[in-house]
């Protein structure tokens, strides 16, 4: 598998807590989007670890095309 599965075409707002780490799904197969549930096994993809610097609402990428892994950069608009 060379390309990730497009899990959604809109960013997902998520409350992140300062100091916590999160595993963002990079393959698109996770059933708990935008986070990893281990579905990447055997795909060649690995989750991207994101550490929250502050407590805030973040807009996480679900299209998996972002240039800023974990976070939406608007790439879904071109799909």
N, C-alpha and C. Protein backbone atom coordinates (compact mmCIF):
# COMPACT_ATOMS: atom_id res chain seq x y z
N UNK A 1 0.85 -1.17 0.00
CA UNK A 1 0.00 0.00 0.00
C UNK A 1 0.90 1.24 0.00
N UNK A 2 0.77 2.06 -1.02
CA UNK A 2 1.59 3.27 -1.12
C UNK A 2 0.85 4.52 -0.67
N UNK A 3 -0.45 4.54 -0.87
CA UNK A 3 -1.25 5.70 -0.52
C UNK A 3 -2.17 5.36 0.64
N UNK A 4 -2.35 6.31 1.57
CA UNK A 4 -3.28 6.05 2.67
C UNK A 4 -4.73 6.10 2.19
N UNK A 5 -5.59 5.44 2.91
CA UNK A 5 -7.02 5.49 2.64
C UNK A 5 -7.54 6.85 3.12
N UNK A 6 -8.37 7.50 2.33
CA UNK A 6 -8.99 8.76 2.74
C UNK A 6 -10.11 8.41 3.71
N UNK A 7 -9.93 8.74 4.98
CA UNK A 7 -10.90 8.39 6.00
C UNK A 7 -12.03 9.42 6.08
N UNK A 8 -11.77 10.63 5.61
CA UNK A 8 -12.77 11.69 5.62
C UNK A 8 -12.28 12.87 4.80
N UNK A 9 -13.20 13.76 4.47
CA UNK A 9 -12.84 14.93 3.66
C UNK A 9 -13.02 16.24 4.41
N UNK A 10 -13.08 16.14 5.73
CA UNK A 10 -13.17 17.31 6.59
C UNK A 10 -12.27 17.09 7.80
N UNK A 11 -11.69 18.15 8.34
CA UNK A 11 -10.90 17.98 9.56
C UNK A 11 -11.82 17.62 10.73
N UNK A 12 -11.25 16.98 11.72
CA UNK A 12 -12.01 16.59 12.90
C UNK A 12 -11.53 17.40 14.10
N UNK A 13 -12.42 18.19 14.71
CA UNK A 13 -12.00 18.93 15.91
C UNK A 13 -11.83 17.97 17.09
N UNK A 14 -10.70 18.12 17.79
CA UNK A 14 -10.36 17.25 18.91
C UNK A 14 -9.79 18.11 20.03
N UNK A 15 -10.20 17.83 21.25
CA UNK A 15 -9.65 18.53 22.41
C UNK A 15 -8.34 17.84 22.82
N UNK A 16 -7.24 18.55 22.69
CA UNK A 16 -5.95 18.02 23.10
C UNK A 16 -5.56 18.62 24.45
N UNK A 17 -4.93 17.81 25.28
CA UNK A 17 -4.50 18.26 26.61
C UNK A 17 -2.99 18.48 26.63
N UNK A 18 -2.58 19.60 27.17
CA UNK A 18 -1.15 19.94 27.25
C UNK A 18 -0.35 18.82 27.91
N UNK A 19 0.77 18.49 27.28
CA UNK A 19 1.68 17.48 27.82
C UNK A 19 1.36 16.06 27.42
N UNK A 20 0.18 15.80 26.88
CA UNK A 20 -0.19 14.44 26.48
C UNK A 20 0.29 14.16 25.06
N UNK A 21 0.52 12.89 24.78
CA UNK A 21 0.89 12.48 23.43
C UNK A 21 -0.27 11.70 22.82
N UNK A 22 -0.40 11.83 21.51
CA UNK A 22 -1.48 11.21 20.76
C UNK A 22 -0.88 10.52 19.54
N UNK A 23 -1.46 9.39 19.15
CA UNK A 23 -1.00 8.67 17.97
C UNK A 23 -2.01 8.89 16.85
N UNK A 24 -1.64 9.75 15.90
CA UNK A 24 -2.50 10.07 14.77
C UNK A 24 -2.42 8.97 13.72
N UNK A 25 -3.54 8.51 13.24
CA UNK A 25 -3.60 7.48 12.20
C UNK A 25 -3.11 8.06 10.88
N UNK A 26 -2.09 7.45 10.30
CA UNK A 26 -1.57 7.91 9.01
C UNK A 26 -2.03 7.04 7.85
N UNK A 27 -2.61 5.87 8.14
CA UNK A 27 -3.00 4.94 7.08
C UNK A 27 -4.44 5.14 6.61
N UNK A 28 -5.29 5.69 7.49
CA UNK A 28 -6.70 5.91 7.16
C UNK A 28 -7.61 4.74 7.47
N UNK A 29 -7.08 3.65 8.01
CA UNK A 29 -7.89 2.46 8.27
C UNK A 29 -8.43 2.38 9.70
N UNK A 30 -7.99 3.23 10.59
CA UNK A 30 -8.41 3.17 11.99
C UNK A 30 -9.92 3.40 12.12
N UNK A 31 -10.53 2.64 12.99
CA UNK A 31 -11.95 2.82 13.30
C UNK A 31 -12.17 3.91 14.33
N UNK A 32 -11.09 4.45 14.89
CA UNK A 32 -11.21 5.52 15.90
C UNK A 32 -10.53 6.79 15.40
N UNK A 33 -10.85 7.19 14.17
CA UNK A 33 -10.29 8.39 13.57
C UNK A 33 -10.48 9.60 14.47
N UNK A 34 -9.51 10.48 14.53
CA UNK A 34 -8.30 10.55 13.73
C UNK A 34 -7.12 9.81 14.36
N UNK A 35 -7.39 9.03 15.41
CA UNK A 35 -6.32 8.38 16.15
C UNK A 35 -6.15 6.92 15.74
N UNK A 36 -4.97 6.39 15.99
CA UNK A 36 -4.59 5.04 15.62
C UNK A 36 -5.27 4.01 16.54
N UNK A 37 -5.73 2.92 15.92
CA UNK A 37 -6.24 1.79 16.70
C UNK A 37 -5.48 0.50 16.36
N UNK A 38 -4.36 0.64 15.63
CA UNK A 38 -3.55 -0.52 15.27
C UNK A 38 -3.88 -1.14 13.92
N UNK A 39 -4.86 -0.57 13.21
CA UNK A 39 -5.27 -1.12 11.92
C UNK A 39 -4.20 -1.02 10.84
N UNK A 40 -3.15 -0.26 11.10
CA UNK A 40 -2.07 -0.11 10.11
C UNK A 40 -1.19 -1.35 9.98
N UNK A 41 -1.29 -2.27 10.90
CA UNK A 41 -0.43 -3.46 10.87
C UNK A 41 -0.50 -4.13 9.50
N UNK A 42 0.66 -4.33 8.88
CA UNK A 42 0.74 -4.96 7.58
C UNK A 42 0.59 -4.02 6.40
N UNK A 43 0.42 -2.71 6.66
CA UNK A 43 0.22 -1.76 5.57
C UNK A 43 1.49 -1.01 5.19
N UNK A 44 2.49 -1.02 6.05
CA UNK A 44 3.69 -0.23 5.80
C UNK A 44 3.61 1.16 6.40
N UNK A 45 2.45 1.53 6.94
CA UNK A 45 2.28 2.82 7.60
C UNK A 45 2.49 2.67 9.10
N UNK A 46 2.88 3.76 9.73
CA UNK A 46 2.98 3.82 11.19
C UNK A 46 2.30 5.09 11.65
N UNK A 47 1.76 5.10 12.87
CA UNK A 47 1.12 6.32 13.35
C UNK A 47 2.14 7.43 13.58
N UNK A 48 1.66 8.65 13.54
CA UNK A 48 2.49 9.81 13.82
C UNK A 48 2.20 10.25 15.25
N UNK A 49 3.23 10.33 16.08
CA UNK A 49 3.05 10.75 17.46
C UNK A 49 3.04 12.27 17.52
N UNK A 50 1.99 12.81 18.13
CA UNK A 50 1.80 14.25 18.28
C UNK A 50 1.78 14.56 19.77
N UNK A 51 2.59 15.51 20.19
CA UNK A 51 2.59 15.94 21.59
C UNK A 51 1.93 17.32 21.67
N UNK A 52 0.91 17.42 22.50
CA UNK A 52 0.20 18.70 22.66
C UNK A 52 1.02 19.63 23.53
N UNK A 53 1.35 20.78 23.00
CA UNK A 53 2.10 21.79 23.75
C UNK A 53 1.19 22.60 24.67
N UNK A 54 -0.09 22.67 24.29
CA UNK A 54 -1.06 23.41 25.10
C UNK A 54 -2.42 22.73 25.00
N UNK A 55 -3.29 22.99 25.96
CA UNK A 55 -4.64 22.47 25.91
C UNK A 55 -5.43 23.35 24.95
N UNK A 56 -6.00 22.71 23.93
CA UNK A 56 -6.74 23.48 22.92
C UNK A 56 -7.53 22.53 22.03
N UNK A 57 -8.41 23.12 21.23
CA UNK A 57 -9.09 22.38 20.18
C UNK A 57 -8.18 22.40 18.96
N UNK A 58 -7.86 21.22 18.46
CA UNK A 58 -7.02 21.10 17.26
C UNK A 58 -7.87 20.47 16.16
N UNK A 59 -7.58 20.83 14.94
CA UNK A 59 -8.30 20.27 13.80
C UNK A 59 -7.40 19.24 13.14
N UNK A 60 -7.73 17.97 13.39
CA UNK A 60 -6.92 16.86 12.95
C UNK A 60 -7.33 16.42 11.54
N UNK A 61 -6.33 16.06 10.75
CA UNK A 61 -6.54 15.64 9.38
C UNK A 61 -7.18 14.25 9.33
N UNK A 62 -8.20 14.09 8.49
CA UNK A 62 -8.78 12.77 8.25
C UNK A 62 -8.60 12.32 6.80
N UNK A 63 -8.18 13.23 5.91
CA UNK A 63 -7.97 12.83 4.51
C UNK A 63 -6.60 12.17 4.32
N UNK A 64 -5.70 12.37 5.26
CA UNK A 64 -4.36 11.77 5.27
C UNK A 64 -3.44 12.32 4.18
N UNK A 65 -3.79 13.46 3.61
CA UNK A 65 -2.99 14.08 2.56
C UNK A 65 -2.22 15.30 3.07
N UNK A 66 -2.35 15.63 4.33
CA UNK A 66 -1.75 16.84 4.91
C UNK A 66 -0.23 16.88 4.80
N UNK A 67 0.30 18.06 4.67
CA UNK A 67 1.74 18.26 4.70
C UNK A 67 2.24 18.51 6.11
N UNK A 68 1.31 18.57 7.07
CA UNK A 68 1.61 18.79 8.48
C UNK A 68 1.02 17.62 9.26
N UNK A 69 1.64 16.44 9.19
CA UNK A 69 1.04 15.22 9.74
C UNK A 69 0.39 15.38 11.11
N UNK A 70 -0.84 14.94 11.14
CA UNK A 70 -1.67 15.05 12.33
C UNK A 70 -2.69 16.15 12.20
N UNK A 71 -2.26 17.26 11.64
CA UNK A 71 -3.11 18.45 11.62
C UNK A 71 -3.56 18.81 10.20
N UNK A 72 -4.76 19.32 10.10
CA UNK A 72 -5.31 19.72 8.81
C UNK A 72 -4.56 20.93 8.27
N UNK A 73 -4.21 20.86 6.99
CA UNK A 73 -3.60 22.00 6.32
C UNK A 73 -4.43 22.43 5.10
N UNK A 74 -5.65 21.91 4.99
CA UNK A 74 -6.53 22.26 3.90
C UNK A 74 -6.40 21.37 2.67
N UNK A 75 -5.55 20.36 2.73
CA UNK A 75 -5.35 19.47 1.57
C UNK A 75 -6.63 18.81 1.10
N UNK A 76 -7.58 18.59 2.01
CA UNK A 76 -8.84 17.92 1.65
C UNK A 76 -9.63 18.72 0.61
N UNK A 77 -9.38 20.01 0.51
CA UNK A 77 -10.12 20.85 -0.43
C UNK A 77 -9.81 20.49 -1.88
N UNK A 78 -8.67 19.85 -2.12
CA UNK A 78 -8.29 19.45 -3.47
C UNK A 78 -8.71 18.04 -3.85
N UNK A 79 -9.44 17.36 -2.98
CA UNK A 79 -9.84 15.98 -3.27
C UNK A 79 -11.13 15.92 -4.06
